[in-house]
Amino acid sequence: MNSVTRASGWLLAAIGLSGCGASSGVNVPLGRSIAPGPPHAAATQAAPASAGDPPGEQGGTIPPAARRTEQTVSRAGLAQSPTQALRRYAIAYTNWQASRLAAREQLLAELATGPAKLTAEQTQAAGSATAALVASHVANAGRVLAIARAEGQAPGEWVVVTEEHTTGTGGYAGLPAGPHVTLAQVTLLPGRGWAVSTWSPAS
């Protein structure tokens, strides 16, 4: 079984099995929601929506200095292949503790370029680790199940399938582990290496 077939199988399983709680869960700073159990469902709140692009970026423009920063990746953050870049990012993205989310978001920014880097930096700046997650000692543990080029998607897009288990106390205790699907892209920085450029959780 080749990697594309294996990833396609995991993709179908993830869509069929994952109860991601995207519509009713708490908005986790790293971009995916988790649904607490019934006892605390009414006490949790989603993170506030962004107020929009900064004035200098409205209308689709990004100042040159900000654009250069967005494309900067440290030598340590680069990978030798697309799959290595995606695997490193996925491991960092799926393994975190609520009390240390700022540090994890900083690591994600160091492993990324372009929109993925910008998202990690904006999330970190927003301080989106909610008090409820920290108070409930919420943590996430994950592993990579499959990485393969996406078929029928945008050129250069990849499918990353992970299995994740969220733990915590109170309403976050006993949440089942499940598969998740992410669509991602990577960029080759000439003469340097690969970095994740987009990271879009689909489930």
C-alpha atoms as a PDB file:
ATOM      1  CA  MET A   1       0.000   0.000   0.000  1.00  0.00           C
ATOM      2  CA  ASN A   2       1.566   3.308  -1.057  1.00  0.00           C
ATOM      3  CA  SER A   3       1.551   6.474   1.052  1.00  0.00           C
ATOM      4  CA  VAL A   4      -1.200   8.164  -0.988  1.00  0.00           C
ATOM      5  CA  THR A   5      -3.538   5.178  -0.633  1.00  0.00           C
ATOM      6  CA  ARG A   6      -2.748   4.879   3.056  1.00  0.00           C
ATOM      7  CA  ALA A   7      -3.356   8.596   3.622  1.00  0.00           C
ATOM      8  CA  SER A   8      -6.620   8.411   1.685  1.00  0.00           C
ATOM      9  CA  GLY A   9      -7.748   5.587   3.947  1.00  0.00           C
ATOM     10  CA  TRP A  10      -6.874   7.572   7.047  1.00  0.00           C
ATOM     11  CA  LEU A  11      -8.622  10.614   5.561  1.00  0.00           C
ATOM     12  CA  LEU A  12     -11.877   8.690   5.139  1.00  0.00           C
ATOM     13  CA  ALA A  13     -11.557   7.222   8.625  1.00  0.00           C
ATOM     14  CA  ALA A  14     -10.852  10.605  10.162  1.00  0.00           C
ATOM     15  CA  ILE A  15     -13.858  12.217   8.505  1.00  0.00           C
ATOM     16  CA  GLY A  16     -16.075   9.349   9.583  1.00  0.00           C
ATOM     17  CA  LEU A  17     -14.824   8.946  13.147  1.00  0.00           C
ATOM     18  CA  SER A  18     -13.681  12.310  14.430  1.00  0.00           C
ATOM     19  CA  GLY A  19     -16.103  14.236  16.596  1.00  0.00           C
ATOM     20  CA  CYS A  20     -14.147  17.429  16.632  1.00  0.00           C
ATOM     21  CA  GLY A  21     -16.708  19.663  18.277  1.00  0.00           C
ATOM     22  CA  ALA A  22     -15.831  22.439  15.880  1.00  0.00           C
ATOM     23  CA  SER A  23     -19.181  24.132  16.234  1.00  0.00           C
ATOM     24  CA  SER A  24     -19.651  23.899  19.989  1.00  0.00           C
ATOM     25  CA  GLY A  25     -16.198  23.511  21.500  1.00  0.00           C
ATOM     26  CA  VAL A  26     -13.744  25.949  22.970  1.00  0.00           C
ATOM     27  CA  ASN A  27     -11.590  27.585  20.321  1.00  0.00           C
ATOM     28  CA  VAL A  28      -8.129  26.198  21.045  1.00  0.00           C
ATOM     29  CA  PRO A  29      -5.349  28.691  20.322  1.00  0.00           C
ATOM     30  CA  LEU A  30      -3.638  26.376  17.856  1.00  0.00           C
ATOM     31  CA  GLY A  31      -6.668  26.456  15.585  1.00  0.00           C
ATOM     32  CA  ARG A  32      -8.759  23.412  16.420  1.00  0.00           C
ATOM     33  CA  SER A  33     -11.652  23.235  18.835  1.00  0.00           C
ATOM     34  CA  ILE A  34     -12.270  20.733  21.589  1.00  0.00           C
ATOM     35  CA  ALA A  35     -15.659  20.163  23.123  1.00  0.00           C
ATOM     36  CA  PRO A  36     -15.774  19.863  26.918  1.00  0.00           C
ATOM     37  CA  GLY A  37     -18.218  17.452  28.489  1.00  0.00           C
ATOM     38  CA  PRO A  38     -21.764  18.508  29.460  1.00  0.00           C
ATOM     39  CA  PRO A  39     -20.960  19.698  33.040  1.00  0.00           C
ATOM     40  CA  HIS A  40     -18.904  22.642  31.801  1.00  0.00           C
ATOM     41  CA  ALA A  41     -20.406  23.252  28.378  1.00  0.00           C
ATOM     42  CA  ALA A  42     -22.312  26.353  29.468  1.00  0.00           C
ATOM     43  CA  ALA A  43     -19.366  27.818  31.359  1.00  0.00           C
ATOM     44  CA  THR A  44     -16.935  27.939  28.453  1.00  0.00           C
ATOM     45  CA  GLN A  45     -16.621  30.704  25.895  1.00  0.00           C
ATOM     46  CA  ALA A  46     -15.022  30.857  22.492  1.00  0.00           C
ATOM     47  CA  ALA A  47     -12.115  33.219  22.002  1.00  0.00           C
ATOM     48  CA  PRO A  48     -13.248  36.634  20.740  1.00  0.00           C
ATOM     49  CA  ALA A  49     -13.172  37.171  17.006  1.00  0.00           C
ATOM     50  CA  SER A  50     -10.359  39.178  15.488  1.00  0.00           C
ATOM     51  CA  ALA A  51     -11.062  42.852  14.919  1.00  0.00           C
ATOM     52  CA  GLY A  52      -9.734  42.530  11.372  1.00  0.00           C
ATOM     53  CA  ASP A  53      -6.495  43.319   9.593  1.00  0.00           C
ATOM     54  CA  PRO A  54      -4.312  46.156  10.901  1.00  0.00           C
ATOM     55  CA  PRO A  55      -4.817  49.429   8.965  1.00  0.00           C
ATOM     56  CA  GLY A  56      -1.563  48.952   7.047  1.00  0.00           C
ATOM     57  CA  GLU A  57      -2.710  45.544   5.806  1.00  0.00           C
ATOM     58  CA  GLN A  58      -6.306  46.312   4.851  1.00  0.00           C
ATOM     59  CA  GLY A  59      -7.138  45.850   1.196  1.00  0.00           C
ATOM     60  CA  GLY A  60      -4.722  42.944   0.838  1.00  0.00           C
ATOM     61  CA  THR A  61      -1.483  44.878   1.251  1.00  0.00           C
ATOM     62  CA  ILE A  62       1.327  43.901   3.594  1.00  0.00           C
ATOM     63  CA  PRO A  63       4.149  46.355   4.354  1.00  0.00           C
ATOM     64  CA  PRO A  64       7.514  45.220   2.878  1.00  0.00           C
ATOM     65  CA  ALA A  65       9.148  44.880   6.315  1.00  0.00           C
ATOM     66  CA  ALA A  66       6.297  42.687   7.562  1.00  0.00           C
ATOM     67  CA  ARG A  67       6.466  40.585   4.398  1.00  0.00           C
ATOM     68  CA  ARG A  68      10.213  39.997   4.880  1.00  0.00           C
ATOM     69  CA  THR A  69       9.649  38.977   8.498  1.00  0.00           C
ATOM     70  CA  GLU A  70       6.859  36.632   7.438  1.00  0.00           C
ATOM     71  CA  GLN A  71       9.280  34.812   5.111  1.00  0.00           C
ATOM     72  CA  THR A  72      12.091  34.480   7.685  1.00  0.00           C
ATOM     73  CA  VAL A  73      12.860  31.015   9.019  1.00  0.00           C
ATOM     74  CA  SER A  74      15.831  30.171  11.216  1.00  0.00           C
ATOM     75  CA  ARG A  75      18.298  27.566   9.957  1.00  0.00           C
ATOM     76  CA  ALA A  76      17.206  25.239  12.790  1.00  0.00           C
ATOM     77  CA  GLY A  77      13.586  25.585  11.683  1.00  0.00           C
ATOM     78  CA  LEU A  78      14.206  24.286   8.161  1.00  0.00           C
ATOM     79  CA  ALA A  79      13.841  20.674   7.042  1.00  0.00           C
ATOM     80  CA  GLN A  80      15.575  18.640   4.353  1.00  0.00           C
ATOM     81  CA  SER A  81      12.331  17.460   2.717  1.00  0.00           C
ATOM     82  CA  PRO A  82       8.641  18.411   2.538  1.00  0.00           C
ATOM     83  CA  THR A  83       7.569  15.403   4.607  1.00  0.00           C
ATOM     84  CA  GLN A  84      10.145  16.147   7.292  1.00  0.00           C
ATOM     85  CA  ALA A  85       8.908  19.743   7.526  1.00  0.00           C
ATOM     86  CA  LEU A  86       5.297  18.586   7.794  1.00  0.00           C
ATOM     87  CA  ARG A  87       6.078  15.897  10.369  1.00  0.00           C
ATOM     88  CA  ARG A  88       8.034  18.286  12.600  1.00  0.00           C
ATOM     89  CA  TYR A  89       5.283  20.868  12.431  1.00  0.00           C
ATOM     90  CA  ALA A  90       2.546  18.306  13.083  1.00  0.00           C
ATOM     91  CA  ILE A  91       4.329  16.953  16.158  1.00  0.00           C
ATOM     92  CA  ALA A  92       4.778  20.468  17.541  1.00  0.00           C
ATOM     93  CA  TYR A  93       1.179  21.392  16.696  1.00  0.00           C
ATOM     94  CA  THR A  94      -0.434  18.365  18.319  1.00  0.00           C
ATOM     95  CA  ASN A  95       1.608  18.132  21.526  1.00  0.00           C
ATOM     96  CA  TRP A  96       0.959  20.998  23.937  1.00  0.00           C
ATOM     97  CA  GLN A  97      -0.127  22.026  27.421  1.00  0.00           C
ATOM     98  CA  ALA A  98      -2.488  24.948  28.005  1.00  0.00           C
ATOM     99  CA  SER A  99      -0.103  26.511  30.517  1.00  0.00           C
ATOM    100  CA  ARG A 100       2.679  26.663  27.913  1.00  0.00           C
ATOM    101  CA  LEU A 101       0.815  27.548  24.735  1.00  0.00           C
ATOM    102  CA  ALA A 102       2.727  30.783  24.173  1.00  0.00           C
ATOM    103  CA  ALA A 103       6.004  28.860  23.968  1.00  0.00           C
ATOM    104  CA  ARG A 104       4.444  26.282  21.633  1.00  0.00           C
ATOM    105  CA  GLU A 105       3.085  29.017  19.349  1.00  0.00           C
ATOM    106  CA  GLN A 106       6.561  30.566  19.264  1.00  0.00           C
ATOM    107  CA  LEU A 107       8.025  27.210  18.201  1.00  0.00           C
ATOM    108  CA  LEU A 108       5.413  26.886  15.445  1.00  0.00           C
ATOM    109  CA  ALA A 109       6.335  30.365  14.187  1.00  0.00           C
ATOM    110  CA  GLU A 110       9.991  29.301  14.050  1.00  0.00           C
ATOM    111  CA  LEU A 111       9.122  26.220  11.962  1.00  0.00           C
ATOM    112  CA  ALA A 112       6.959  28.079   9.444  1.00  0.00           C
ATOM    113  CA  THR A 113       6.956  30.726   6.765  1.00  0.00           C
ATOM    114  CA  GLY A 114       4.265  32.767   5.016  1.00  0.00           C
ATOM    115  CA  PRO A 115       0.659  32.484   6.237  1.00  0.00           C
ATOM    116  CA  ALA A 116       1.443  29.668   8.704  1.00  0.00           C
ATOM    117  CA  LYS A 117       4.073  31.804  10.411  1.00  0.00           C
ATOM    118  CA  LEU A 118       1.772  34.823  10.476  1.00  0.00           C
ATOM    119  CA  THR A 119      -1.051  32.795  12.037  1.00  0.00           C
ATOM    120  CA  ALA A 120       1.220  31.430  14.775  1.00  0.00           C
ATOM    121  CA  GLU A 121       2.551  34.907  15.559  1.00  0.00           C
ATOM    122  CA  GLN A 122      -0.916  36.488  15.616  1.00  0.00           C
ATOM    123  CA  THR A 123      -2.247  33.725  17.860  1.00  0.00           C
ATOM    124  CA  GLN A 124       0.636  34.161  20.256  1.00  0.00           C
ATOM    125  CA  ALA A 125       0.201  37.943  20.313  1.00  0.00           C
ATOM    126  CA  ALA A 126      -3.520  37.574  21.010  1.00  0.00           C
ATOM    127  CA  GLY A 127      -2.804  35.608  24.199  1.00  0.00           C
ATOM    128  CA  SER A 128      -5.557  33.203  23.267  1.00  0.00           C
ATOM    129  CA  ALA A 129      -4.866  30.568  25.932  1.00  0.00           C
ATOM    130  CA  THR A 130      -8.115  30.916  27.834  1.00  0.00           C
ATOM    131  CA  ALA A 131      -8.169  30.774  31.608  1.00  0.00           C
ATOM    132  CA  ALA A 132     -10.626  27.893  31.424  1.00  0.00           C
ATOM    133  CA  LEU A 133      -8.142  25.702  29.556  1.00  0.00           C
ATOM    134  CA  VAL A 134      -5.319  26.504  31.960  1.00  0.00           C
ATOM    135  CA  ALA A 135      -7.514  26.015  35.029  1.00  0.00           C
ATOM    136  CA  SER A 136      -8.619  22.625  33.709  1.00  0.00           C
ATOM    137  CA  HIS A 137      -5.007  21.565  32.979  1.00  0.00           C
ATOM    138  CA  VAL A 138      -5.892  20.840  29.355  1.00  0.00           C
ATOM    139  CA  ALA A 139      -3.195  19.152  27.286  1.00  0.00           C
ATOM    140  CA  ASN A 140      -3.061  17.503  23.884  1.00  0.00           C
ATOM    141  CA  ALA A 141      -0.930  14.561  22.769  1.00  0.00           C
ATOM    142  CA  GLY A 142      -0.673  13.509  19.154  1.00  0.00           C
ATOM    143  CA  ARG A 143       1.157  11.368  16.640  1.00  0.00           C
ATOM    144  CA  VAL A 144       1.375  11.431  12.868  1.00  0.00           C
ATOM    145  CA  LEU A 145      -0.519   8.636  11.100  1.00  0.00           C
ATOM    146  CA  ALA A 146       0.073   9.611   7.466  1.00  0.00           C
ATOM    147  CA  ILE A 147       1.462  12.333   5.225  1.00  0.00           C
ATOM    148  CA  ALA A 148       0.767  12.333   1.480  1.00  0.00           C
ATOM    149  CA  ARG A 149       0.227  14.673  -1.427  1.00  0.00           C
ATOM    150  CA  ALA A 150      -3.422  15.676  -1.713  1.00  0.00           C
ATOM    151  CA  GLU A 151      -5.259  14.576  -4.810  1.00  0.00           C
ATOM    152  CA  GLY A 152      -7.795  16.933  -6.377  1.00  0.00           C
ATOM    153  CA  GLN A 153      -6.767  19.816  -4.118  1.00  0.00           C
ATOM    154  CA  ALA A 154      -4.728  22.952  -4.754  1.00  0.00           C
ATOM    155  CA  PRO A 155      -1.354  22.344  -6.440  1.00  0.00           C
ATOM    156  CA  GLY A 156       1.318  21.539  -3.873  1.00  0.00           C
ATOM    157  CA  GLU A 157      -1.153  20.713  -1.124  1.00  0.00           C
ATOM    158  CA  TRP A 158      -0.518  17.872   1.311  1.00  0.00           C
ATOM    159  CA  VAL A 159      -2.773  15.853   3.606  1.00  0.00           C
ATOM    160  CA  VAL A 160      -1.541  15.272   7.152  1.00  0.00           C
ATOM    161  CA  VAL A 161      -3.476  12.821   9.314  1.00  0.00           C
ATOM    162  CA  THR A 162      -2.837  12.762  13.055  1.00  0.00           C
ATOM    163  CA  GLU A 163      -4.296  10.912  15.994  1.00  0.00           C
ATOM    164  CA  GLU A 164      -4.792  13.152  19.014  1.00  0.00           C
ATOM    165  CA  HIS A 165      -5.940  12.788  22.598  1.00  0.00           C
ATOM    166  CA  THR A 166      -6.981  15.774  24.682  1.00  0.00           C
ATOM    167  CA  THR A 167      -6.868  15.415  28.470  1.00  0.00           C
ATOM    168  CA  GLY A 168      -7.783  17.630  31.389  1.00  0.00           C
ATOM    169  CA  THR A 169      -9.904  17.866  34.488  1.00  0.00           C
ATOM    170  CA  GLY A 170     -13.593  18.641  34.964  1.00  0.00           C
ATOM    171  CA  GLY A 171     -15.462  18.765  31.692  1.00  0.00           C
ATOM    172  CA  TYR A 172     -12.278  17.990  29.757  1.00  0.00           C
ATOM    173  CA  ALA A 173     -11.723  14.630  31.486  1.00  0.00           C
ATOM    174  CA  GLY A 174     -12.395  11.506  29.476  1.00  0.00           C
ATOM    175  CA  LEU A 175     -12.444  13.024  25.977  1.00  0.00           C
ATOM    176  CA  PRO A 176     -11.835  10.225  23.445  1.00  0.00           C
ATOM    177  CA  ALA A 177      -8.805  10.100  21.204  1.00  0.00           C
ATOM    178  CA  GLY A 178      -9.488  10.513  17.514  1.00  0.00           C
ATOM    179  CA  PRO A 179      -8.013  11.178  14.063  1.00  0.00           C
ATOM    180  CA  HIS A 180      -7.724  14.665  12.573  1.00  0.00           C
ATOM    181  CA  VAL A 181      -7.042  15.840   9.034  1.00  0.00           C
ATOM    182  CA  THR A 182      -5.024  18.923   8.077  1.00  0.00           C
ATOM    183  CA  LEU A 183      -4.389  20.374   4.618  1.00  0.00           C
ATOM    184  CA  ALA A 184      -0.949  21.956   4.395  1.00  0.00           C
ATOM    185  CA  GLN A 185       1.589  23.390   2.004  1.00  0.00           C
ATOM    186  CA  VAL A 186       5.359  23.704   2.194  1.00  0.00           C
ATOM    187  CA  THR A 187       7.806  26.153   0.670  1.00  0.00           C
ATOM    188  CA  LEU A 188      11.373  25.540  -0.467  1.00  0.00           C
ATOM    189  CA  LEU A 189      13.618  28.390   0.565  1.00  0.00           C
ATOM    190  CA  PRO A 190      16.362  28.259  -2.112  1.00  0.00           C
ATOM    191  CA  GLY A 191      19.650  26.913  -0.847  1.00  0.00           C
ATOM    192  CA  ARG A 192      18.298  26.497   2.675  1.00  0.00           C
ATOM    193  CA  GLY A 193      15.506  23.957   3.117  1.00  0.00           C
ATOM    194  CA  TRP A 194      11.756  23.378   3.498  1.00  0.00           C
ATOM    195  CA  ALA A 195       9.268  25.052   5.833  1.00  0.00           C
ATOM    196  CA  VAL A 196       5.510  24.788   6.331  1.00  0.00           C
ATOM    197  CA  SER A 197       3.758  27.713   4.642  1.00  0.00           C
ATOM    198  CA  THR A 198       0.063  26.927   5.250  1.00  0.00           C
ATOM    199  CA  TRP A 199      -1.566  24.774   7.916  1.00  0.00           C
ATOM    200  CA  SER A 200      -5.352  24.408   7.673  1.00  0.00           C
ATOM    201  CA  PRO A 201      -7.041  21.941  10.052  1.00  0.00           C
ATOM    202  CA  ALA A 202     -10.010  20.355   8.258  1.00  0.00           C
ATOM    203  CA  SER A 203     -11.283  18.273  11.169  1.00  0.00           C
END
